[in-house]
Amino acid sequence: MFEDPIVEEVRRVRQEYARRFNYDLHAIAADLRKQEQDHPERLVSFPPKSPRKSKHARAL
């Protein structure tokens, strides 16, 4: 099976990051929230999309 070096690197980094917090999801989430606050310029947000009307939608 083909092994992609980029995928392997992402998996390795993810594993190391989780290990830093003893695989505690609450601690990981808290760290991510802190990073968001410390670096708001790295966040991307888009305006909400308006719902599309389907051609097949039935009128009530």
N, C-alpha and C. Protein backbone atom coordinates (compact mmCIF):
# COMPACT_ATOMS: atom_id res chain seq x y z
N MET A 1 0.83 -1.17 0.00
CA MET A 1 0.00 0.00 0.00
C MET A 1 0.88 1.24 0.00
N PHE A 2 0.45 2.26 -0.74
CA PHE A 2 1.20 3.51 -0.85
C PHE A 2 1.14 4.28 0.47
N GLU A 3 2.28 4.75 0.93
CA GLU A 3 2.33 5.56 2.14
C GLU A 3 2.69 6.98 1.76
N ASP A 4 1.80 7.89 2.05
CA ASP A 4 1.99 9.30 1.72
C ASP A 4 2.77 9.95 2.86
N PRO A 5 3.93 10.54 2.56
CA PRO A 5 4.73 11.14 3.63
C PRO A 5 4.02 12.31 4.32
N ILE A 6 3.19 13.03 3.60
CA ILE A 6 2.47 14.15 4.21
C ILE A 6 1.44 13.63 5.21
N VAL A 7 0.72 12.59 4.83
CA VAL A 7 -0.26 11.99 5.74
C VAL A 7 0.45 11.44 6.97
N GLU A 8 1.58 10.80 6.77
CA GLU A 8 2.33 10.26 7.90
C GLU A 8 2.79 11.38 8.84
N GLU A 9 3.22 12.50 8.28
CA GLU A 9 3.65 13.62 9.11
C GLU A 9 2.48 14.19 9.91
N VAL A 10 1.33 14.34 9.27
CA VAL A 10 0.15 14.86 9.96
C VAL A 10 -0.23 13.93 11.10
N ARG A 11 -0.21 12.65 10.86
CA ARG A 11 -0.55 11.68 11.91
C ARG A 11 0.45 11.73 13.06
N ARG A 12 1.72 11.88 12.73
CA ARG A 12 2.75 11.95 13.76
C ARG A 12 2.56 13.20 14.62
N VAL A 13 2.34 14.34 13.97
CA VAL A 13 2.16 15.60 14.70
C VAL A 13 0.90 15.54 15.56
N ARG A 14 -0.17 14.97 15.01
CA ARG A 14 -1.42 14.84 15.77
C ARG A 14 -1.19 13.98 17.00
N GLN A 15 -0.47 12.90 16.84
CA GLN A 15 -0.19 12.00 17.96
C GLN A 15 0.65 12.70 19.03
N GLU A 16 1.65 13.45 18.61
CA GLU A 16 2.49 14.18 19.56
C GLU A 16 1.68 15.24 20.30
N TYR A 17 0.81 15.92 19.58
CA TYR A 17 -0.03 16.96 20.20
C TYR A 17 -0.96 16.34 21.24
N ALA A 18 -1.60 15.25 20.90
CA ALA A 18 -2.49 14.58 21.84
C ALA A 18 -1.72 14.06 23.05
N ARG A 19 -0.54 13.55 22.83
CA ARG A 19 0.28 13.03 23.92
C ARG A 19 0.65 14.14 24.91
N ARG A 20 0.86 15.37 24.40
CA ARG A 20 1.19 16.50 25.28
C ARG A 20 0.12 16.72 26.34
N PHE A 21 -1.11 16.35 26.03
CA PHE A 21 -2.23 16.57 26.94
C PHE A 21 -2.75 15.25 27.52
N ASN A 22 -1.92 14.22 27.42
CA ASN A 22 -2.29 12.91 27.95
C ASN A 22 -3.61 12.43 27.34
N TYR A 23 -3.82 12.78 26.09
CA TYR A 23 -5.01 12.36 25.31
C TYR A 23 -6.32 12.83 25.94
N ASP A 24 -6.25 13.91 26.73
CA ASP A 24 -7.43 14.47 27.39
C ASP A 24 -8.10 15.46 26.44
N LEU A 25 -9.29 15.10 25.93
CA LEU A 25 -9.96 15.94 24.95
C LEU A 25 -10.33 17.31 25.51
N HIS A 26 -10.68 17.37 26.79
CA HIS A 26 -11.01 18.67 27.39
C HIS A 26 -9.77 19.58 27.41
N ALA A 27 -8.63 19.02 27.73
CA ALA A 27 -7.39 19.80 27.76
C ALA A 27 -6.99 20.23 26.35
N ILE A 28 -7.17 19.35 25.39
CA ILE A 28 -6.86 19.68 24.00
C ILE A 28 -7.76 20.81 23.52
N ALA A 29 -9.06 20.70 23.81
CA ALA A 29 -10.00 21.74 23.39
C ALA A 29 -9.67 23.07 24.06
N ALA A 30 -9.30 23.04 25.33
CA ALA A 30 -8.94 24.27 26.03
C ALA A 30 -7.71 24.90 25.39
N ASP A 31 -6.75 24.09 25.02
CA ASP A 31 -5.55 24.61 24.36
C ASP A 31 -5.90 25.23 23.01
N LEU A 32 -6.77 24.59 22.27
CA LEU A 32 -7.16 25.14 20.97
C LEU A 32 -7.90 26.46 21.14
N ARG A 33 -8.77 26.55 22.15
CA ARG A 33 -9.46 27.82 22.41
C ARG A 33 -8.46 28.92 22.78
N LYS A 34 -7.45 28.56 23.58
CA LYS A 34 -6.42 29.53 23.96
C LYS A 34 -5.65 29.99 22.72
N GLN A 35 -5.33 29.07 21.84
CA GLN A 35 -4.62 29.44 20.62
C GLN A 35 -5.47 30.36 19.75
N GLU A 36 -6.78 30.11 19.72
CA GLU A 36 -7.67 30.99 18.96
C GLU A 36 -7.65 32.40 19.53
N GLN A 37 -7.64 32.51 20.85
CA GLN A 37 -7.61 33.83 21.49
C GLN A 37 -6.26 34.51 21.28
N ASP A 38 -5.19 33.74 21.36
CA ASP A 38 -3.85 34.30 21.22
C ASP A 38 -3.54 34.71 19.78
N HIS A 39 -4.19 34.07 18.81
CA HIS A 39 -3.88 34.32 17.40
C HIS A 39 -5.16 34.46 16.58
N PRO A 40 -5.95 35.50 16.82
CA PRO A 40 -7.21 35.64 16.07
C PRO A 40 -6.99 35.84 14.57
N GLU A 41 -5.81 36.29 14.19
CA GLU A 41 -5.53 36.50 12.76
C GLU A 41 -5.46 35.18 11.99
N ARG A 42 -5.35 34.08 12.69
CA ARG A 42 -5.27 32.78 12.03
C ARG A 42 -6.65 32.15 11.80
N LEU A 43 -7.68 32.77 12.34
CA LEU A 43 -9.03 32.22 12.20
C LEU A 43 -9.66 32.70 10.90
N VAL A 44 -10.43 31.84 10.31
CA VAL A 44 -11.16 32.18 9.10
C VAL A 44 -12.64 32.00 9.38
N SER A 45 -13.41 32.99 9.03
CA SER A 45 -14.86 32.84 9.19
C SER A 45 -15.54 33.37 7.94
N PHE A 46 -16.62 32.76 7.61
CA PHE A 46 -17.38 33.12 6.43
C PHE A 46 -18.78 33.50 6.86
N PRO A 47 -19.42 34.39 6.11
CA PRO A 47 -20.81 34.70 6.44
C PRO A 47 -21.68 33.47 6.21
N PRO A 48 -22.76 33.34 6.97
CA PRO A 48 -23.62 32.17 6.77
C PRO A 48 -24.23 32.17 5.38
N LYS A 49 -24.38 30.99 4.84
CA LYS A 49 -24.99 30.86 3.52
C LYS A 49 -26.50 30.93 3.66
N SER A 50 -27.13 31.58 2.71
CA SER A 50 -28.58 31.59 2.74
C SER A 50 -29.09 30.29 2.14
N PRO A 51 -30.20 29.79 2.65
CA PRO A 51 -30.71 28.52 2.14
C PRO A 51 -31.14 28.65 0.68
N ARG A 52 -30.87 27.62 -0.07
CA ARG A 52 -31.28 27.60 -1.47
C ARG A 52 -32.65 26.97 -1.59
N LYS A 53 -33.40 27.48 -2.50
CA LYS A 53 -34.71 26.87 -2.76
C LYS A 53 -34.52 25.75 -3.76
N SER A 54 -35.06 24.63 -3.42
CA SER A 54 -34.96 23.47 -4.29
C SER A 54 -36.04 23.54 -5.36
N LYS A 55 -35.71 23.07 -6.54
CA LYS A 55 -36.71 23.01 -7.61
C LYS A 55 -37.82 22.03 -7.26
N HIS A 56 -37.50 21.10 -6.40
CA HIS A 56 -38.44 20.04 -6.07
C HIS A 56 -39.15 20.27 -4.73
N ALA A 57 -38.94 21.42 -4.13
CA ALA A 57 -39.58 21.69 -2.85
C ALA A 57 -41.08 21.88 -3.05
N ARG A 58 -41.84 21.32 -2.14
CA ARG A 58 -43.29 21.44 -2.23
C ARG A 58 -43.77 22.61 -1.38
N ALA A 59 -44.75 23.30 -1.87
CA ALA A 59 -45.36 24.39 -1.11
C ALA A 59 -46.27 23.80 -0.05
N LEU A 60 -46.30 24.43 1.08
CA LEU A 60 -47.16 23.95 2.17
C LEU A 60 -48.55 24.51 2.05
